[in-house]
Amino acid sequence: MSPFWVRMADTQFVLPLGLVWKLKTVIGGHAFEIAAVVCALDAPGAYPILLGRPWLHYTNIKQNW
């Protein structure tokens, strides 16, 4: 169990199961090491992974709105 709560987009609070540091993953053909907060979500349509603002900043992603 982690020592903090995560506020979800629907304003619900979830207690994460834990943290994974330096998780090696490939996104769009590029390899990254990310830190992941692991949550057990029972919501239908929940995404298996959400990449947040720290990752967007680190990778210098340009959003095309």
Protein backbone atom coordinates (compact mmCIF):
# COMPACT_ATOMS: atom_id res chain seq x y z
CA MET A 1 0.00 0.00 0.00
CA SER A 2 1.21 3.48 -0.72
CA PRO A 3 1.34 6.31 1.81
CA PHE A 4 -0.88 8.62 -0.26
CA TRP A 5 -4.25 8.80 -2.01
CA VAL A 6 -4.78 9.61 -5.70
CA ARG A 7 -7.66 11.81 -6.84
CA MET A 8 -9.12 10.47 -10.06
CA ALA A 9 -10.69 12.50 -12.89
CA ASP A 10 -14.17 11.74 -11.53
CA THR A 11 -13.08 13.24 -8.14
CA GLN A 12 -13.04 9.79 -6.48
CA PHE A 13 -10.08 9.08 -4.19
CA VAL A 14 -8.20 5.78 -4.63
CA LEU A 15 -5.54 4.23 -2.41
CA PRO A 16 -2.82 2.91 -4.77
CA LEU A 17 -1.47 -0.61 -4.37
CA GLY A 18 2.08 0.68 -4.72
CA LEU A 19 4.70 2.30 -6.92
CA VAL A 20 6.92 0.92 -9.67
CA TRP A 21 10.10 2.88 -10.40
CA LYS A 22 12.02 2.69 -13.68
CA LEU A 23 9.34 0.67 -15.48
CA LYS A 24 10.69 0.05 -18.97
CA THR A 25 8.05 0.59 -21.64
CA VAL A 26 7.83 1.37 -25.36
CA ILE A 27 5.47 4.14 -26.46
CA GLY A 28 5.18 5.05 -30.12
CA GLY A 29 8.32 3.08 -30.94
CA HIS A 30 10.43 4.93 -28.34
CA ALA A 31 11.75 3.31 -25.15
CA PHE A 32 11.16 5.09 -21.81
CA GLU A 33 11.66 4.41 -18.13
CA ILE A 34 8.66 5.69 -16.21
CA ALA A 35 7.50 5.75 -12.62
CA ALA A 36 4.05 4.19 -12.27
CA VAL A 37 1.41 4.41 -9.57
CA VAL A 38 -0.41 1.06 -9.48
CA CYS A 39 -4.17 1.20 -8.81
CA ALA A 40 -6.83 -1.51 -8.88
CA LEU A 41 -9.63 0.00 -10.95
CA ASP A 42 -12.94 -1.81 -11.43
CA ALA A 43 -14.39 0.88 -13.67
CA PRO A 44 -15.56 -0.26 -17.11
CA GLY A 45 -13.51 1.37 -19.83
CA ALA A 46 -10.61 2.18 -17.47
CA TYR A 47 -7.29 2.68 -19.21
CA PRO A 48 -4.47 0.26 -18.32
CA ILE A 49 -2.02 3.19 -18.08
CA LEU A 50 -2.28 6.96 -17.94
CA LEU A 51 0.74 9.11 -18.66
CA GLY A 52 0.70 12.35 -16.73
CA ARG A 53 2.21 15.79 -16.97
CA PRO A 54 5.69 14.83 -15.70
CA TRP A 55 6.05 12.37 -18.59
CA LEU A 56 4.71 14.91 -21.10
CA HIS A 57 7.22 17.49 -19.86
CA TYR A 58 10.15 15.05 -19.75
CA THR A 59 9.56 13.87 -23.31
CA ASN A 60 8.89 17.42 -24.60
CA ILE A 61 5.59 16.31 -26.15
CA LYS A 62 3.86 18.86 -28.37
CA GLN A 63 0.07 18.65 -28.14
CA ASN A 64 -1.87 19.47 -31.28
CA TRP A 65 -5.21 20.86 -30.07
